[in-house]
Amino acid sequence: MVKELTDNNIECRPLICGSMNEQPFWYERYGKTDLPNALKVHNNGLYLPNHNKLTKSEIKKIAKIINKIV
């Protein structure tokens, strides 16, 4: 998905933190917990364009690419 978005000049970035359960400061203090959905977000989550200057056309373009992939 990232390649397809960037090939179409759509900026995206991985999530900064993801699951707190995967951060060393957290699991060293509290231990690990089985959080499968949080782990999916941690490993696969990304930021998409999200600002007030997006046009309807740009939103449709982004949605079309994502829908094609999923």
Protein backbone atom coordinates (compact mmCIF):
# COMPACT_ATOMS: atom_id res chain seq x y z
CA MET A 1 0.00 0.00 0.00
CA VAL A 2 2.81 2.40 0.86
CA LYS A 3 4.47 1.84 -2.52
CA GLU A 4 1.22 2.37 -4.41
CA LEU A 5 0.45 5.56 -2.46
CA THR A 6 3.93 7.01 -2.86
CA ASP A 7 4.02 6.05 -6.56
CA ASN A 8 0.91 8.24 -6.87
CA ASN A 9 2.52 11.16 -5.00
CA ILE A 10 0.49 10.55 -1.85
CA GLU A 11 2.54 11.00 1.29
CA CYS A 12 2.16 8.42 4.07
CA ARG A 13 4.18 7.45 7.12
CA PRO A 14 4.26 4.56 9.59
CA LEU A 15 2.66 5.18 12.97
CA ILE A 16 5.06 6.73 15.43
CA CYS A 17 4.27 4.63 18.48
CA GLY A 18 1.82 1.87 17.62
CA SER A 19 1.22 -0.40 20.59
CA MET A 20 2.55 0.72 23.97
CA ASN A 21 2.87 -2.98 24.75
CA GLU A 22 5.75 -3.15 22.23
CA GLN A 23 7.73 -0.28 23.74
CA PRO A 24 10.66 -1.39 25.94
CA PHE A 25 9.97 1.16 28.68
CA TRP A 26 6.46 -0.33 29.01
CA TYR A 27 7.08 -4.07 28.87
CA GLU A 28 10.19 -3.83 31.06
CA ARG A 29 8.05 -2.25 33.76
CA TYR A 30 4.68 -3.98 33.27
CA GLY A 31 5.48 -7.09 31.23
CA LYS A 32 4.00 -8.20 27.92
CA THR A 33 0.29 -8.78 27.38
CA ASP A 34 -1.33 -10.56 24.44
CA LEU A 35 -2.90 -7.71 22.44
CA PRO A 36 -3.29 -9.07 18.89
CA ASN A 37 -5.22 -6.10 17.48
CA ALA A 38 -2.81 -3.56 18.96
CA LEU A 39 0.05 -5.58 17.45
CA LYS A 40 -1.62 -5.42 14.00
CA VAL A 41 -1.80 -1.63 14.28
CA HIS A 42 1.78 -1.50 15.55
CA ASN A 43 3.09 -3.52 12.59
CA ASN A 44 0.82 -2.23 9.82
CA GLY A 45 -0.62 1.14 10.80
CA LEU A 46 0.17 4.25 8.81
CA TYR A 47 -0.73 7.89 8.62
CA LEU A 48 -2.53 9.14 5.51
CA PRO A 49 -3.04 12.72 4.38
CA ASN A 50 -5.43 14.39 6.77
CA HIS A 51 -5.75 18.14 6.58
CA ASN A 52 -8.35 20.79 5.82
CA LYS A 53 -6.93 21.62 2.38
CA LEU A 54 -7.64 18.18 0.88
CA THR A 55 -10.01 18.47 -2.06
CA LYS A 56 -12.80 15.99 -2.75
CA SER A 57 -10.85 14.87 -5.79
CA GLU A 58 -7.76 14.13 -3.68
CA ILE A 59 -9.83 12.24 -1.12
CA LYS A 60 -11.42 10.15 -3.88
CA LYS A 61 -7.97 9.40 -5.35
CA ILE A 62 -6.63 8.23 -1.97
CA ALA A 63 -9.75 6.15 -1.28
CA LYS A 64 -9.61 4.55 -4.74
CA ILE A 65 -6.02 3.41 -4.22
CA ILE A 66 -6.72 2.02 -0.76
CA ASN A 67 -9.91 0.28 -1.84
CA LYS A 68 -8.09 -1.30 -4.80
CA ILE A 69 -5.55 -2.81 -2.43
CA VAL A 70 -7.84 -3.97 0.37
